[in-house]
Amino acid sequence: MSTRALLALCVLSGAAAAPLQAATAAHTPAAPRSTIADHYAVEDLAMPPGLDSQVGALTMTPSGKLVACFHRGEVLIYDPATKQWHPFAFGLHEPLGVIAISDRELLIMQRPELTRVIDSDGDGVADRYETVTDQFGMSGNYHEFAFGPVQDKDGNYFISLNVASQGAGIFKEVRGTYGHLGVSRDDAEDHWDQAKSRIGRMYSAVPYRGWVLKIDARSGAITPWACGFRSPDGLGFDGAGHLLVTDNQGDWLGSSKLFTVVQGGFYGHPASLVWRPDWKLGDPLALPVAKLDELRTRETVFFPQTIMACSPTQPLLDASAGKFGPYAGQVFVGEMNTARLMRVLTEEVGGGFQGACLPFYDRGGLSAGNHRMVFDQQGGLYIGHTALSWAGGKGIQRMTWKGTAPFDLLGISLTKDGFSLQFTKPGDPATLKPENFSFRRYYYEYHEAYGCDTLDVAPVAVTAAAVSKDARGVVLTLAELKPGYIYELTMKGVTAQDGEAVANTLVCYTINHLRDGTPAPAQIPGTGAAKPEQKKKK
């Protein structure tokens, strides 16, 4: 399609948005209805007719316009003042990340490269496409997505690369060195029926599949930063500048996870270990699980499968300075398969990171497929949806705060014998009693199989509840705390002093270390029964 035709297609001012797909009931986490919708509004943006409005990336320009990249390669700019769309670029290959350098220059992560897209003559349409970096491998496998970029405080960029899927092989012509240590290139190309059983469910045949890469902002030089990822769809930073990466349930991931990523780390999926420059242990898939477990850095937060999330996406810092409600400085995370946004609350304990996830917004007009998010200058949150033939949705929504504070959990911290909870406003002390806080604990085994059941599930009694003087906090004492377990809290009957019920009642805290420094055991014994594969984005 020509630029002129696309321009005619996209300039509009009020066409009704198409209905979005609803999440299937099988993927709806079992959680009570949230009252958070009383404090937030959700509106649908009208999409240009004829556009496949599955969103791969969102960002804001310095002048306050929304940039959206779509599944089939279009890059459109939305002016909130006029409610009109304008085409900026098209023909990109599955763009899944974007940063606006200026109103006329974008950095876009498409499948083969990080691309600088420039409108050099100021007519509103890009006319220059420059490669920033393509220094990573491509085998032609359909599952080799590329995510990012995000930018750190020093101006450097980070991207992440999906591993390939056993559902298909590789092309005869690949970019980069073939490097799978368990299957020869000839077998991978010409004897796939025999090779697929040895190559791994998800595999890394070319550099640096399963890695996070750092890109120097000036030179474009790449630094392989960290490995061990399966499908790292979401990258972001917390308020302290720590790099956060989400990964999706599958082989080697009993459930989906959020990691705090540091240089040189290995985060659990072994396929990408072959690209470590010092790797000398042969085919990673041939190593004992205990050895891989010894090498890996644990997740900061588990997202319990079907309980909290099925496919977590982008982590996004609330840097709105209170324009989006009482959560300033916290991190939101999208969820693909359901109409849910989440929050994560992390802390450093025993020299490592751990913490909790909880729903932020459920249903209440929100669509499924919550893939990409960005705040505007007014504190509104744009949310882009996608499905990519899995569960999800389409289109873009904008969520705004109505100005009234919900009664919600604001913080949770591990203590030596339980948890300290903080709320957004004073609770009713009569409801902050032990019987209204119900805990159970369980874990997921680290193993090669796809997913894992919750193992060693057991209730944990709350033996005491100490309410703070201002009634904004309560310290819960538990009968036991075990590192290596997820502690799932359900609040029932907890209300504010004005009678409002707590907005979100479910919290899942991942304990890697106790306060006395006791770490999780190397591997908790268990059956590790794998769950059947579920429909998911990644």
Protein backbone atom coordinates (compact mmCIF):
# COMPACT_ATOMS: atom_id res chain seq x y z
CA MET A 1 0.00 0.00 0.00
CA SER A 2 1.29 3.46 -0.86
CA THR A 3 1.98 6.13 1.76
CA ARG A 4 -0.80 8.26 0.23
CA ALA A 5 -3.30 5.40 0.50
CA LEU A 6 -2.28 4.61 4.04
CA LEU A 7 -2.60 8.27 4.98
CA ALA A 8 -6.13 8.33 3.62
CA LEU A 9 -6.91 5.19 5.56
CA CYS A 10 -5.60 6.42 8.87
CA VAL A 11 -6.73 10.04 9.23
CA LEU A 12 -10.02 9.84 11.07
CA SER A 13 -11.77 11.43 13.99
CA GLY A 14 -14.39 9.24 15.54
CA ALA A 15 -14.93 5.87 13.91
CA ALA A 16 -16.21 3.31 16.37
CA ALA A 17 -13.61 0.90 17.68
CA ALA A 18 -14.06 -2.74 16.77
CA PRO A 19 -14.94 -5.09 19.64
CA LEU A 20 -11.97 -6.78 21.22
CA GLN A 21 -11.57 -10.50 21.87
CA ALA A 22 -12.40 -11.66 25.37
CA ALA A 23 -10.12 -14.02 27.26
CA THR A 24 -11.30 -17.60 27.38
CA ALA A 25 -12.80 -18.79 30.65
CA ALA A 26 -10.13 -21.47 30.94
CA HIS A 27 -7.50 -18.77 31.39
CA THR A 28 -9.37 -16.52 33.83
CA PRO A 29 -7.49 -16.43 37.17
CA ALA A 30 -9.75 -17.28 40.09
CA ALA A 31 -9.94 -14.01 42.00
CA PRO A 32 -12.81 -12.03 43.53
CA ARG A 33 -14.18 -9.03 41.65
CA SER A 34 -12.07 -5.93 42.17
CA THR A 35 -13.50 -2.58 43.28
CA ILE A 36 -10.59 -0.75 41.65
CA ALA A 37 -12.84 0.21 38.72
CA ASP A 38 -14.63 2.64 41.05
CA HIS A 39 -11.46 4.75 41.00
CA TYR A 40 -10.27 4.41 37.40
CA ALA A 41 -11.86 4.96 33.98
CA VAL A 42 -11.08 3.00 30.80
CA GLU A 43 -11.80 4.30 27.30
CA ASP A 44 -11.26 2.70 23.89
CA LEU A 45 -9.35 4.55 21.20
CA ALA A 46 -10.96 4.47 17.77
CA MET A 47 -8.78 2.45 15.40
CA PRO A 48 -8.34 3.19 11.69
CA PRO A 49 -10.67 1.00 9.60
CA GLY A 50 -8.98 -1.95 7.92
CA LEU A 51 -6.03 -1.99 10.32
CA ASP A 52 -5.04 -5.19 12.11
CA SER A 53 -4.78 -3.35 15.43
CA GLN A 54 -2.69 -5.87 17.35
CA VAL A 55 -0.13 -3.74 19.17
CA GLY A 56 3.56 -4.60 19.30
CA ALA A 57 4.90 -1.37 20.81
CA LEU A 58 3.86 1.97 22.32
CA THR A 59 5.71 5.15 23.26
CA MET A 60 5.07 8.89 23.63
CA THR A 61 6.78 11.62 21.62
CA PRO A 62 8.23 14.67 23.43
CA SER A 63 5.25 16.72 22.16
CA GLY A 64 2.78 14.31 23.78
CA LYS A 65 1.63 12.22 20.83
CA LEU A 66 1.21 8.44 21.00
CA VAL A 67 3.34 6.22 18.75
CA ALA A 68 1.95 2.74 18.09
CA CYS A 69 3.58 -0.11 16.16
CA PHE A 70 1.24 -2.78 14.86
CA HIS A 71 1.60 -6.47 14.09
CA ARG A 72 1.79 -6.13 10.31
CA GLY A 73 4.48 -3.46 10.40
CA GLU A 74 2.61 -0.16 10.44
CA VAL A 75 3.85 2.67 12.68
CA LEU A 76 1.10 5.23 13.33
CA ILE A 77 1.03 8.40 15.43
CA TYR A 78 -2.07 9.44 17.38
CA ASP A 79 -2.75 13.06 18.32
CA PRO A 80 -4.86 13.12 21.53
CA ALA A 81 -5.92 16.71 20.82
CA THR A 82 -7.52 15.93 17.46
CA LYS A 83 -8.10 12.19 18.00
CA GLN A 84 -6.61 11.55 14.58
CA TRP A 85 -4.12 8.91 13.43
CA HIS A 86 -1.30 9.69 11.00
CA PRO A 87 0.98 7.12 9.31
CA PHE A 88 4.66 7.53 10.08
CA ALA A 89 6.19 4.33 8.66
CA PHE A 90 5.19 0.90 7.39
CA GLY A 91 6.73 -2.33 6.14
CA LEU A 92 8.57 -3.25 9.33
CA HIS A 93 8.92 -6.90 10.32
CA GLU A 94 6.89 -7.54 13.47
CA PRO A 95 7.94 -4.49 15.51
CA LEU A 96 7.79 -5.28 19.25
CA GLY A 97 9.42 -2.24 20.85
CA VAL A 98 9.87 1.49 20.23
CA ILE A 99 11.51 4.56 21.79
CA ALA A 100 10.88 8.11 20.56
CA ILE A 101 14.16 10.01 20.32
CA SER A 102 12.27 13.08 19.05
CA ASP A 103 9.05 13.85 17.23
CA ARG A 104 10.82 12.92 13.99
CA GLU A 105 13.04 10.02 15.04
CA LEU A 106 12.16 6.59 16.46
CA LEU A 107 14.15 3.53 17.49
CA ILE A 108 12.17 0.41 16.60
CA MET A 109 12.96 -3.21 17.44
CA GLN A 110 11.84 -5.37 14.56
CA ARG A 111 12.57 -9.05 14.13
CA PRO A 112 15.87 -8.72 12.18
CA GLU A 113 17.33 -5.56 13.73
CA LEU A 114 17.11 -2.45 15.85
CA THR A 115 16.24 0.28 13.35
CA ARG A 116 16.45 4.08 13.47
CA VAL A 117 13.45 5.45 11.58
CA ILE A 118 13.68 9.16 10.66
CA ASP A 119 11.49 11.80 9.08
CA SER A 120 14.34 13.91 7.69
CA ASP A 121 12.27 16.43 5.69
CA GLY A 122 9.62 17.15 8.32
CA ASP A 123 6.60 16.07 6.29
CA GLY A 124 5.41 13.69 9.00
CA VAL A 125 6.37 10.48 7.18
CA ALA A 126 9.61 8.56 7.68
CA ASP A 127 12.03 8.56 4.75
CA ARG A 128 15.19 7.10 6.28
CA TYR A 129 15.62 3.64 7.81
CA GLU A 130 19.05 3.02 9.38
CA THR A 131 20.33 -0.14 11.02
CA VAL A 132 21.49 0.49 14.58
CA THR A 133 22.46 -3.13 15.12
CA ASP A 134 21.72 -6.53 13.62
CA GLN A 135 24.54 -8.29 15.43
CA PHE A 136 22.55 -11.31 16.55
CA GLY A 137 21.60 -14.52 14.83
CA MET A 138 18.47 -15.54 12.98
CA SER A 139 17.77 -19.14 12.00
CA GLY A 140 14.44 -18.51 10.28
CA ASN A 141 12.51 -20.25 13.05
CA TYR A 142 9.08 -18.65 13.54
CA HIS A 143 9.55 -18.28 17.31
CA GLU A 144 12.60 -15.98 17.19
CA PHE A 145 10.92 -12.79 18.40
CA ALA A 146 12.98 -9.73 19.37
CA PHE A 147 11.89 -7.38 22.19
CA GLY A 148 12.87 -3.97 23.51
CA PRO A 149 14.56 -1.56 23.46
CA VAL A 150 14.52 0.03 26.89
CA GLN A 151 17.02 2.73 27.85
CA ASP A 152 19.00 3.00 31.08
CA LYS A 153 20.03 6.21 32.88
CA ASP A 154 23.32 6.29 30.94
CA GLY A 155 21.54 6.21 27.59
CA ASN A 156 22.36 2.59 26.71
CA TYR A 157 19.73 0.28 25.24
CA PHE A 158 18.73 -3.25 26.19
CA ILE A 159 16.94 -5.77 23.98
CA SER A 160 15.98 -9.42 24.48
CA LEU A 161 15.82 -12.32 22.05
CA ASN A 162 13.43 -15.27 22.06
CA VAL A 163 14.68 -18.82 21.61
CA ALA A 164 13.47 -20.97 18.71
CA SER A 165 10.67 -23.53 18.99
CA GLN A 166 10.79 -27.25 18.39
CA GLY A 167 7.58 -26.72 16.45
CA ALA A 168 9.76 -25.92 13.43
CA GLY A 169 13.34 -26.26 12.28
CA ILE A 170 15.81 -23.78 10.78
CA PHE A 171 16.42 -22.43 7.29
CA LYS A 172 19.36 -23.57 5.19
CA GLU A 173 20.62 -20.00 5.20
CA VAL A 174 21.02 -18.57 8.70
CA ARG A 175 22.48 -15.36 10.04
CA GLY A 176 25.28 -15.99 12.51
CA THR A 177 27.24 -19.08 13.49
CA TYR A 178 25.31 -22.30 13.99
CA GLY A 179 26.13 -23.44 17.51
CA HIS A 180 23.80 -26.10 18.92
CA LEU A 181 26.03 -28.61 20.70
CA GLY A 182 23.58 -31.52 20.68
CA VAL A 183 22.44 -31.49 17.04
CA SER A 184 24.60 -30.90 13.97
CA ARG A 185 23.64 -28.28 11.42
CA ASP A 186 23.18 -30.96 8.75
CA ASP A 187 20.73 -32.83 10.96
CA ALA A 188 18.89 -29.63 11.86
CA GLU A 189 18.51 -28.73 8.19
CA ASP A 190 18.03 -32.08 6.50
CA HIS A 191 16.90 -34.62 9.13
CA TRP A 192 14.56 -32.56 11.28
CA ASP A 193 12.23 -35.44 12.18
CA GLN A 194 15.14 -37.15 13.94
CA ALA A 195 16.82 -33.98 15.23
CA LYS A 196 13.77 -32.41 16.91
CA SER A 197 13.74 -34.95 19.75
CA ARG A 198 17.32 -33.99 20.69
CA ILE A 199 17.38 -30.26 20.04
CA GLY A 200 15.21 -29.28 23.00
CA ARG A 201 11.66 -28.02 23.17
CA MET A 202 13.01 -24.46 22.87
CA TYR A 203 16.49 -24.09 21.44
CA SER A 204 19.21 -21.58 20.63
CA ALA A 205 20.88 -22.46 17.33
CA VAL A 206 22.39 -19.03 16.57
CA PRO A 207 23.75 -16.18 18.72
CA TYR A 208 22.33 -14.82 21.07
CA ARG A 209 18.98 -16.50 21.29
CA GLY A 210 17.74 -16.52 24.90
CA TRP A 211 19.90 -13.51 25.85
CA VAL A 212 19.48 -9.92 26.92
CA LEU A 213 21.88 -7.68 24.97
CA LYS A 214 23.19 -4.23 25.87
CA ILE A 215 23.67 -1.78 22.99
CA ASP A 216 25.99 1.19 23.31
CA ALA A 217 24.01 4.33 22.53
CA ARG A 218 26.88 5.96 20.62
CA SER A 219 28.61 3.16 18.76
CA GLY A 220 25.84 0.59 18.46
CA ALA A 221 28.25 -2.08 19.76
CA ILE A 222 26.53 -4.96 21.54
CA THR A 223 27.48 -6.59 24.84
CA PRO A 224 25.89 -9.98 25.59
CA TRP A 225 24.49 -9.09 29.02
CA ALA A 226 22.70 -12.09 30.52
CA CYS A 227 21.31 -15.44 29.36
CA GLY A 228 18.87 -18.16 30.38
CA PHE A 229 15.63 -16.73 28.97
CA ARG A 230 12.89 -18.51 27.09
CA SER A 231 10.43 -15.87 25.92
CA PRO A 232 11.44 -12.56 27.54
CA ASP A 233 8.64 -10.41 26.14
CA GLY A 234 8.86 -7.64 28.75
CA LEU A 235 11.76 -5.36 29.70
CA GLY A 236 11.73 -2.33 31.98
CA PHE A 237 13.39 -0.63 34.93
CA ASP A 238 12.30 -0.13 38.51
CA GLY A 239 12.70 3.15 40.35
CA ALA A 240 16.24 2.29 41.43
CA GLY A 241 17.33 1.56 37.84
CA HIS A 242 17.37 -2.24 38.14
CA LEU A 243 16.67 -4.01 34.85
CA LEU A 244 13.49 -6.13 35.04
CA VAL A 245 12.64 -8.89 32.56
CA THR A 246 9.56 -11.10 32.43
CA ASP A 247 9.64 -14.65 31.08
CA ASN A 248 6.83 -17.02 30.20
CA GLN A 249 5.92 -20.46 31.53
CA GLY A 250 7.14 -23.40 29.48
CA ASP A 251 10.08 -25.79 29.45
CA TRP A 252 12.41 -25.01 32.36
CA LEU A 253 9.86 -22.56 33.75
CA GLY A 254 7.34 -24.12 36.10
CA SER A 255 5.42 -20.85 35.99
CA SER A 256 5.99 -17.38 34.56
CA LYS A 257 8.55 -15.15 36.27
CA LEU A 258 9.98 -11.69 36.74
CA PHE A 259 13.77 -11.40 37.03
CA THR A 260 16.05 -8.64 38.25
CA VAL A 261 18.80 -8.95 35.64
CA VAL A 262 22.49 -8.22 36.14
CA GLN A 263 25.45 -8.62 33.81
CA GLY A 264 26.69 -12.21 33.52
CA GLY A 265 23.62 -13.77 35.08
CA PHE A 266 22.09 -17.09 33.99
CA TYR A 267 18.34 -17.19 34.60
CA GLY A 268 17.39 -20.81 34.13
CA HIS A 269 16.66 -21.81 30.53
CA PRO A 270 19.84 -23.65 29.50
CA ALA A 271 19.65 -23.43 25.71
CA SER A 272 21.46 -20.07 25.54
CA LEU A 273 24.43 -21.12 27.69
CA VAL A 274 26.30 -22.24 24.56
CA TRP A 275 26.90 -18.56 23.68
CA ARG A 276 28.79 -17.80 26.87
CA PRO A 277 32.39 -17.13 25.81
CA ASP A 278 33.72 -19.25 28.69
CA TRP A 279 31.28 -22.16 28.24
CA LYS A 280 33.14 -25.49 28.38
CA LEU A 281 30.54 -27.95 29.72
CA GLY A 282 29.20 -29.23 26.39
CA ASP A 283 25.54 -29.53 25.51
CA PRO A 284 23.66 -27.76 28.34
CA LEU A 285 20.68 -30.09 27.93
CA ALA A 286 22.94 -33.02 28.83
CA LEU A 287 23.85 -31.53 32.22
CA PRO A 288 22.15 -32.74 35.41
CA VAL A 289 19.37 -30.47 36.60
CA ALA A 290 21.21 -30.05 39.89
CA LYS A 291 24.19 -28.52 38.05
CA LEU A 292 22.00 -26.09 36.12
CA ASP A 293 20.19 -25.20 39.33
CA GLU A 294 23.54 -24.40 40.92
CA LEU A 295 24.41 -22.04 38.05
CA ARG A 296 21.16 -20.11 37.85
CA THR A 297 19.97 -16.94 39.55
CA ARG A 298 16.48 -17.33 40.96
CA GLU A 299 13.47 -15.37 39.89
CA THR A 300 12.55 -12.24 41.84
CA VAL A 301 8.83 -12.96 41.57
CA PHE A 302 6.81 -15.95 40.42
CA PHE A 303 3.49 -15.25 38.68
CA PRO A 304 1.57 -18.41 39.68
CA GLN A 305 0.09 -19.93 36.55
CA THR A 306 -3.70 -19.40 36.13
CA ILE A 307 -3.76 -18.01 39.69
CA MET A 308 -2.04 -14.70 38.94
CA ALA A 309 -1.12 -14.74 35.26
CA CYS A 310 -0.71 -16.93 32.19
CA SER A 311 1.53 -14.69 30.05
CA PRO A 312 3.06 -11.65 31.76
CA THR A 313 4.30 -8.93 29.45
CA GLN A 314 5.85 -5.48 29.96
CA PRO A 315 6.98 -4.16 33.35
CA LEU A 316 6.38 -0.39 33.52
CA LEU A 317 7.43 2.04 36.27
CA ASP A 318 4.79 4.49 37.45
CA ALA A 319 6.76 7.71 37.06
CA SER A 320 3.61 9.86 36.98
CA ALA A 321 4.39 11.50 40.36
CA GLY A 322 0.93 10.66 41.68
CA LYS A 323 -1.11 11.53 38.58
CA PHE A 324 -2.14 7.86 38.31
CA GLY A 325 -3.12 7.37 41.93
CA PRO A 326 -1.28 6.18 45.03
CA TYR A 327 1.15 3.81 43.24
CA ALA A 328 3.88 6.27 42.23
CA GLY A 329 7.27 4.56 42.05
CA GLN A 330 5.79 1.07 41.76
CA VAL A 331 5.93 -1.27 38.76
CA PHE A 332 2.93 -2.43 36.74
CA VAL A 333 3.01 -5.58 34.59
CA GLY A 334 0.69 -6.51 31.73
CA GLU A 335 -1.03 -9.88 31.34
CA MET A 336 -1.77 -11.29 27.88
CA ASN A 337 -4.40 -13.96 28.35
CA THR A 338 -6.82 -12.16 30.66
CA ALA A 339 -8.30 -8.73 31.30
CA ARG A 340 -5.80 -7.98 34.06
CA LEU A 341 -2.99 -5.61 34.93
CA MET A 342 -0.73 -6.47 37.86
CA ARG A 343 1.68 -4.79 40.24
CA VAL A 344 4.97 -6.14 41.58
CA LEU A 345 6.45 -5.12 44.95
CA THR A 346 10.08 -6.16 45.31
CA GLU A 347 12.73 -5.87 48.00
CA GLU A 348 16.30 -7.00 48.64
CA VAL A 349 16.65 -9.75 51.24
CA GLY A 350 19.74 -11.85 51.94
CA GLY A 351 21.70 -10.24 49.13
CA GLY A 352 19.12 -11.04 46.44
CA PHE A 353 15.80 -9.76 45.15
CA GLN A 354 12.39 -11.19 45.93
CA GLY A 355 8.87 -9.94 46.39
CA ALA A 356 5.20 -10.08 45.56
CA CYS A 357 2.78 -9.77 42.67
CA LEU A 358 -0.88 -8.86 42.95
CA PRO A 359 -3.67 -7.81 40.63
CA PHE A 360 -4.04 -4.10 40.03
CA TYR A 361 -7.03 -3.97 37.69
CA ASP A 362 -9.37 -6.81 36.71
CA ARG A 363 -12.01 -6.60 33.99
CA GLY A 364 -14.05 -3.40 34.57
CA GLY A 365 -13.92 -2.50 30.87
CA LEU A 366 -10.29 -3.59 30.42
CA SER A 367 -9.66 -5.90 27.47
CA ALA A 368 -7.50 -9.01 27.37
CA GLY A 369 -4.16 -9.10 25.56
CA ASN A 370 -2.47 -6.39 27.64
CA HIS A 371 0.84 -6.32 25.82
CA ARG A 372 2.38 -2.82 25.83
CA MET A 373 1.87 0.22 28.08
CA VAL A 374 3.05 3.82 28.29
CA PHE A 375 2.15 6.81 30.48
CA ASP A 376 1.35 10.16 28.90
CA GLN A 377 2.24 13.55 30.36
CA GLN A 378 -1.13 13.83 32.08
CA GLY A 379 -0.69 10.52 33.93
CA GLY A 380 -3.01 8.54 31.66
CA LEU A 381 -1.96 4.97 30.89
CA TYR A 382 -2.21 3.78 27.28
CA ILE A 383 -2.56 -0.01 26.98
CA GLY A 384 -1.99 -1.83 23.68
CA HIS A 385 -3.51 -5.27 23.14
CA THR A 386 -2.50 -8.21 20.98
CA ALA A 387 -3.31 -11.88 20.42
CA LEU A 388 -1.03 -13.21 17.65
CA SER A 389 -3.43 -16.18 17.17
CA TRP A 390 -3.27 -17.03 20.88
CA ALA A 391 -5.50 -15.71 23.66
CA GLY A 392 -5.67 -11.92 23.79
CA GLY A 393 -7.28 -8.96 22.05
CA LYS A 394 -6.75 -5.97 19.77
CA GLY A 395 -6.74 -2.20 19.93
CA ILE A 396 -5.63 0.46 22.39
CA GLN A 397 -7.24 1.69 25.59
CA ARG A 398 -6.45 4.60 27.90
CA MET A 399 -6.87 4.28 31.65
CA THR A 400 -7.11 7.36 33.89
CA TRP A 401 -7.38 7.91 37.64
CA LYS A 402 -10.59 9.54 38.86
CA GLY A 403 -8.81 11.25 41.76
CA THR A 404 -10.14 9.15 44.65
CA ALA A 405 -7.87 6.75 46.51
CA PRO A 406 -8.84 3.07 46.48
CA PHE A 407 -8.38 1.01 49.62
CA ASP A 408 -5.62 -1.25 48.38
CA LEU A 409 -2.47 -2.99 49.49
CA LEU A 410 0.33 -0.48 48.99
CA GLY A 411 3.28 -2.56 50.20
CA ILE A 412 4.31 -5.92 51.61
CA SER A 413 7.61 -6.83 53.25
CA LEU A 414 8.95 -10.03 54.72
CA THR A 415 9.67 -9.99 58.47
CA LYS A 416 11.56 -12.54 60.55
CA ASP A 417 8.35 -14.46 61.26
CA GLY A 418 5.73 -13.22 58.79
CA PHE A 419 4.79 -10.21 56.69
CA SER A 420 4.23 -6.50 57.19
CA LEU A 421 1.39 -5.06 55.09
CA GLN A 422 0.79 -1.41 54.29
CA PHE A 423 -2.46 0.01 52.89
CA THR A 424 -3.30 3.13 50.91
CA LYS A 425 -5.57 4.46 53.68
CA PRO A 426 -6.53 3.48 57.22
CA GLY A 427 -8.14 0.09 57.62
CA ASP A 428 -10.90 -0.80 60.04
CA PRO A 429 -8.99 -2.40 62.95
CA ALA A 430 -11.91 -4.72 63.60
CA THR A 431 -11.30 -6.33 60.19
CA LEU A 432 -7.51 -6.48 60.45
CA LYS A 433 -7.57 -9.69 62.46
CA PRO A 434 -5.83 -13.03 61.86
CA GLU A 435 -8.88 -14.90 60.56
CA ASN A 436 -9.28 -12.41 57.70
CA PHE A 437 -5.81 -13.22 56.31
CA SER A 438 -5.55 -16.69 54.81
CA PHE A 439 -2.18 -18.08 53.65
CA ARG A 440 -1.12 -21.18 51.77
CA ARG A 441 2.31 -22.00 50.44
CA TYR A 442 3.63 -24.05 47.52
CA TYR A 443 6.52 -24.18 45.07
CA TYR A 444 7.33 -24.97 41.45
CA GLU A 445 10.07 -27.45 40.63
CA TYR A 446 12.92 -26.41 38.31
CA HIS A 447 12.94 -29.03 35.56
CA GLU A 448 12.97 -29.49 31.79
CA ALA A 449 9.30 -30.43 31.39
CA TYR A 450 6.74 -27.87 30.27
CA GLY A 451 5.29 -26.13 33.33
CA CYS A 452 4.69 -27.62 36.74
CA ASP A 453 1.87 -28.20 39.16
CA THR A 454 1.89 -26.36 42.47
CA LEU A 455 3.78 -28.74 44.76
CA ASP A 456 3.69 -29.38 48.51
CA VAL A 457 0.63 -27.15 48.89
CA ALA A 458 -0.23 -26.51 52.53
CA PRO A 459 -2.12 -23.91 54.57
CA VAL A 460 -0.12 -21.67 56.88
CA ALA A 461 -1.80 -20.32 60.00
CA VAL A 462 -1.70 -16.65 60.95
CA THR A 463 -1.05 -16.64 64.70
CA ALA A 464 -1.12 -12.88 65.35
CA ALA A 465 -1.99 -9.55 63.71
CA ALA A 466 -0.57 -6.30 65.11
CA VAL A 467 -2.29 -3.17 63.76
CA SER A 468 -0.28 0.06 63.47
CA LYS A 469 -1.38 3.19 65.33
CA ASP A 470 -2.59 4.85 62.14
CA ALA A 471 -4.32 1.62 61.02
CA ARG A 472 -2.55 1.86 57.67
CA GLY A 473 -0.48 -1.21 58.42
CA VAL A 474 -0.68 -4.64 59.99
CA VAL A 475 2.12 -7.06 60.89
CA LEU A 476 1.13 -10.70 60.49
CA THR A 477 2.90 -13.49 62.35
CA LEU A 478 2.83 -16.88 60.60
CA ALA A 479 3.22 -20.36 62.03
CA GLU A 480 6.05 -21.06 59.57
CA LEU A 481 8.16 -19.49 56.83
CA LYS A 482 10.06 -21.62 54.31
CA PRO A 483 12.48 -20.22 51.74
CA GLY A 484 11.93 -21.51 48.22
CA TYR A 485 8.15 -21.26 48.51
CA ILE A 486 5.48 -18.90 47.25
CA TYR A 487 3.24 -17.60 50.03
CA GLU A 488 -0.21 -16.89 48.65
CA LEU A 489 -2.34 -14.50 50.74
CA THR A 490 -6.08 -14.09 50.36
CA MET A 491 -7.76 -11.28 52.31
CA LYS A 492 -11.40 -11.72 53.21
CA GLY A 493 -13.58 -9.15 54.91
CA VAL A 494 -10.82 -6.54 55.16
CA THR A 495 -12.22 -3.01 54.87
CA ALA A 496 -11.18 0.60 55.26
CA GLN A 497 -12.50 2.79 58.06
CA ASP A 498 -14.96 4.26 55.57
CA GLY A 499 -16.30 0.76 54.86
CA GLU A 500 -14.72 0.28 51.43
CA ALA A 501 -13.61 -3.29 50.78
CA VAL A 502 -9.98 -3.87 49.90
CA ALA A 503 -9.70 -3.52 46.13
CA ASN A 504 -7.54 -6.57 45.46
CA THR A 505 -7.55 -9.54 47.79
CA LEU A 506 -4.87 -11.79 46.27
CA VAL A 507 -1.11 -11.48 46.86
CA CYS A 508 1.67 -13.97 45.99
CA TYR A 509 5.09 -13.44 47.63
CA THR A 510 8.15 -15.41 46.46
CA ILE A 511 10.60 -16.16 49.30
CA ASN A 512 14.19 -16.76 48.18
CA HIS A 513 15.78 -15.85 51.53
CA LEU A 514 14.51 -15.48 55.06
CA ARG A 515 15.38 -12.35 57.02
CA ASP A 516 18.09 -14.26 58.90
CA GLY A 517 19.75 -14.99 55.54
CA THR A 518 18.61 -18.62 55.19
CA PRO A 519 18.45 -19.30 51.43
CA ALA A 520 16.14 -21.52 49.48
CA PRO A 521 17.49 -25.06 49.13
CA ALA A 522 19.23 -25.87 45.85
CA GLN A 523 16.26 -27.95 44.72
CA ILE A 524 13.21 -28.82 46.76
CA PRO A 525 12.43 -32.51 46.24
CA GLY A 526 9.14 -33.10 44.47
CA THR A 527 7.40 -35.02 41.74
CA GLY A 528 7.50 -32.08 39.37
CA ALA A 529 4.47 -33.29 37.44
CA ALA A 530 4.24 -31.17 34.33
CA LYS A 531 1.00 -29.40 33.53
CA PRO A 532 -0.55 -29.79 30.07
CA GLU A 533 0.55 -27.06 27.70
CA GLN A 534 -1.88 -24.15 27.67
CA LYS A 535 -2.63 -21.65 24.94
CA LYS A 536 -0.44 -18.63 25.46
CA LYS A 537 1.20 -15.88 23.50
CA LYS A 538 4.81 -16.96 23.78
